Protein backbone atom coordinates (compact mmCIF):
# COMPACT_ATOMS: atom_id res chain seq x y z
CA UNK A 1 30.15 164.84 13.08
CA UNK A 2 31.81 163.46 9.99
CA UNK A 3 35.03 164.72 8.46
CA UNK A 4 37.22 163.63 5.59
CA UNK A 5 40.96 163.53 6.19
CA UNK A 6 43.83 162.87 3.82
CA UNK A 7 46.65 161.16 5.69
CA UNK A 8 49.93 159.78 4.41
CA UNK A 9 49.60 156.03 3.81
CA UNK A 10 52.34 155.07 6.25
CA UNK A 11 50.77 157.12 9.04
CA UNK A 12 47.35 155.62 8.42
CA UNK A 13 48.82 152.10 8.53
CA UNK A 14 50.47 152.87 11.89
CA UNK A 15 47.21 154.22 13.29
CA UNK A 16 45.30 151.16 12.04
CA UNK A 17 47.81 148.81 13.68
CA UNK A 18 47.64 150.79 16.89
CA UNK A 19 43.83 150.59 16.88
CA UNK A 20 43.92 146.81 16.31
CA UNK A 21 46.40 146.29 19.16
CA UNK A 22 44.21 148.36 21.48
CA UNK A 23 41.00 146.72 20.23
CA UNK A 24 39.51 150.04 19.19
CA UNK A 25 37.74 151.22 16.08
CA UNK A 26 39.87 153.31 13.73
CA UNK A 27 37.71 156.38 14.26
CA UNK A 28 37.99 156.02 18.05
CA UNK A 29 41.78 155.70 17.86
CA UNK A 30 42.04 158.78 15.64
CA UNK A 31 39.82 160.74 18.05
CA UNK A 32 41.95 159.57 20.99
CA UNK A 33 45.19 160.61 19.27
CA UNK A 34 43.77 164.00 18.33
CA UNK A 35 42.62 164.61 21.92
CA UNK A 36 46.02 163.58 23.28
CA UNK A 37 47.79 165.88 20.81
CA UNK A 38 45.52 168.80 21.64
CA UNK A 39 46.18 168.28 25.37
CA UNK A 40 49.94 168.50 24.73
CA UNK A 41 49.72 171.60 22.52
CA UNK A 42 50.53 174.93 24.18
CA UNK A 43 47.61 177.22 24.89
CA UNK A 44 47.05 179.88 22.24
CA UNK A 45 48.43 183.29 23.04
CA UNK A 46 45.92 185.87 24.11
CA UNK A 47 45.76 188.68 21.58
CA UNK A 48 47.52 191.82 22.69
CA UNK A 49 45.69 195.08 22.89
CA UNK A 50 46.66 197.49 20.12
CA UNK A 51 48.75 200.43 21.31
CA UNK A 52 47.00 203.69 22.00
CA UNK A 53 47.41 206.28 19.25
CA UNK A 54 50.11 208.89 19.77
CA UNK A 55 48.77 212.37 20.33
CA UNK A 56 50.90 215.39 19.63
CA UNK A 57 50.21 218.11 22.15
CA UNK A 58 49.59 221.57 20.84
CA UNK A 59 49.46 220.46 17.20
CA UNK A 60 46.68 219.86 14.80
CA UNK A 61 46.06 216.26 13.68
CA UNK A 62 48.31 215.03 10.88
CA UNK A 63 46.50 214.74 7.57
CA UNK A 64 46.54 211.76 5.25
CA UNK A 65 48.35 213.86 2.65
CA UNK A 66 51.14 214.65 5.15
CA UNK A 67 51.47 210.96 6.05
CA UNK A 68 51.71 209.96 2.39
CA UNK A 69 54.30 212.70 1.77
CA UNK A 70 56.40 211.44 4.71
CA UNK A 71 56.23 207.88 3.41
CA UNK A 72 57.19 208.98 -0.10
CA UNK A 73 60.11 211.03 1.28
CA UNK A 74 61.38 207.95 3.14
CA UNK A 75 61.46 205.93 -0.07
CA UNK A 76 63.84 208.35 -1.80
């Protein structure tokens, strides 16, 4: 797969020199460095489950109008 990257000039020069010293193609050195960086990166956090909704026992469900009124009252 092909990709276009914009890298700072100094970084690209360092990667080119590294590739030459290791007798690798530039694209192979970039792929190697990306793989090494990904191996060092921490694993992504697993998404948490959303909390269960709160149910008020013995009461009717709160309406949208009541919620909006409570929010508006908190802003005053």
